[in-house]
């Protein structure tokens, strides 16, 4: 058996990859319109409407203790700067 070191190798062409990308976005207009319609026509017993009511009640309530602590930390930070 002989070992040939200086042998020219045949080069193969690179495969051509065709990529087709569309830039529709995650929330297309059809999906947005369905979500808006579902939001408008949600029933009171659906999970979504229950979650929305809980969130809205949480946003309406003000935690006075947290507000006082935040304001006092802010004023202490302002005083410490001067």
Protein backbone atom coordinates (compact mmCIF):
# COMPACT_ATOMS: atom_id res chain seq x y z
CA UNK A 1 0.00 0.00 0.00
CA UNK A 2 1.18 3.45 -0.88
CA UNK A 3 0.29 6.68 0.80
CA UNK A 4 -0.13 9.59 -1.59
CA UNK A 5 0.41 12.97 0.07
CA UNK A 6 0.32 15.36 -2.85
CA UNK A 7 -3.06 14.55 -4.26
CA UNK A 8 -5.35 17.33 -5.47
CA UNK A 9 -8.78 17.19 -3.92
CA UNK A 10 -11.92 17.94 -5.81
CA UNK A 11 -13.75 20.99 -4.43
CA UNK A 12 -17.49 20.84 -4.08
CA UNK A 13 -19.65 23.95 -4.45
CA UNK A 14 -21.24 25.37 -1.33
CA UNK A 15 -24.91 24.45 -0.99
CA UNK A 16 -27.27 27.33 -1.62
CA UNK A 17 -29.68 27.85 1.26
CA UNK A 18 -32.82 29.80 0.44
CA UNK A 19 -34.33 31.42 3.47
CA UNK A 20 -37.68 33.09 3.23
CA UNK A 21 -38.41 35.37 6.17
CA UNK A 22 -41.58 37.33 6.54
CA UNK A 23 -41.76 40.26 8.88
CA UNK A 24 -45.37 40.07 10.04
CA UNK A 25 -44.60 40.52 13.71
CA UNK A 26 -45.89 38.54 16.63
CA UNK A 27 -49.15 40.42 17.04
CA UNK A 28 -50.62 40.81 13.59
CA UNK A 29 -53.77 42.79 12.98
CA UNK A 30 -56.04 39.73 12.81
CA UNK A 31 -54.87 38.58 16.23
CA UNK A 32 -55.21 42.09 17.66
CA UNK A 33 -58.78 42.39 16.43
CA UNK A 34 -59.70 39.00 17.94
CA UNK A 35 -58.17 40.00 21.28
CA UNK A 36 -60.03 43.33 21.29
CA UNK A 37 -63.33 41.61 20.53
CA UNK A 38 -62.76 39.03 23.26
CA UNK A 39 -61.86 41.79 25.72
CA UNK A 40 -65.06 43.67 24.93
CA UNK A 41 -67.30 40.61 25.10
CA UNK A 42 -65.76 38.83 28.09
CA UNK A 43 -68.27 37.34 30.49
CA UNK A 44 -68.16 37.91 34.22
CA UNK A 45 -67.45 34.25 34.91
CA UNK A 46 -64.43 33.92 32.62
CA UNK A 47 -60.98 33.58 34.16
CA UNK A 48 -59.75 36.63 32.24
CA UNK A 49 -62.47 38.91 33.59
CA UNK A 50 -61.91 37.68 37.15
CA UNK A 51 -58.19 38.43 36.85
CA UNK A 52 -58.92 41.88 35.41
CA UNK A 53 -61.26 42.72 38.29
CA UNK A 54 -58.65 41.65 40.85
CA UNK A 55 -55.95 43.71 39.11
CA UNK A 56 -58.14 46.79 38.85
CA UNK A 57 -59.06 46.60 42.53
CA UNK A 58 -55.37 46.28 43.43
CA UNK A 59 -54.52 49.36 41.38
CA UNK A 60 -57.32 51.37 42.96
CA UNK A 61 -56.20 50.63 46.53
CA UNK A 62 -53.34 52.72 47.88
CA UNK A 63 -51.04 51.15 50.41
CA UNK A 64 -50.43 54.13 52.67
CA UNK A 65 -47.60 52.49 54.62
CA UNK A 66 -45.64 51.80 51.45
CA UNK A 67 -46.23 55.34 50.21
CA UNK A 68 -44.99 56.84 53.49
CA UNK A 69 -41.86 54.65 53.46
CA UNK A 70 -41.09 55.54 49.83
CA UNK A 71 -41.50 59.27 50.49
CA UNK A 72 -39.36 59.17 53.61
CA UNK A 73 -36.57 57.30 51.79
CA UNK A 74 -36.76 59.85 48.98
CA UNK A 75 -36.51 62.81 51.36
CA UNK A 76 -33.63 61.20 53.27
CA UNK A 77 -31.80 60.69 49.96
CA UNK A 78 -32.41 64.34 48.98
CA UNK A 79 -31.19 65.59 52.35
CA UNK A 80 -28.11 63.34 52.17
CA UNK A 81 -27.18 64.82 48.79
CA UNK A 82 -27.00 68.37 50.22
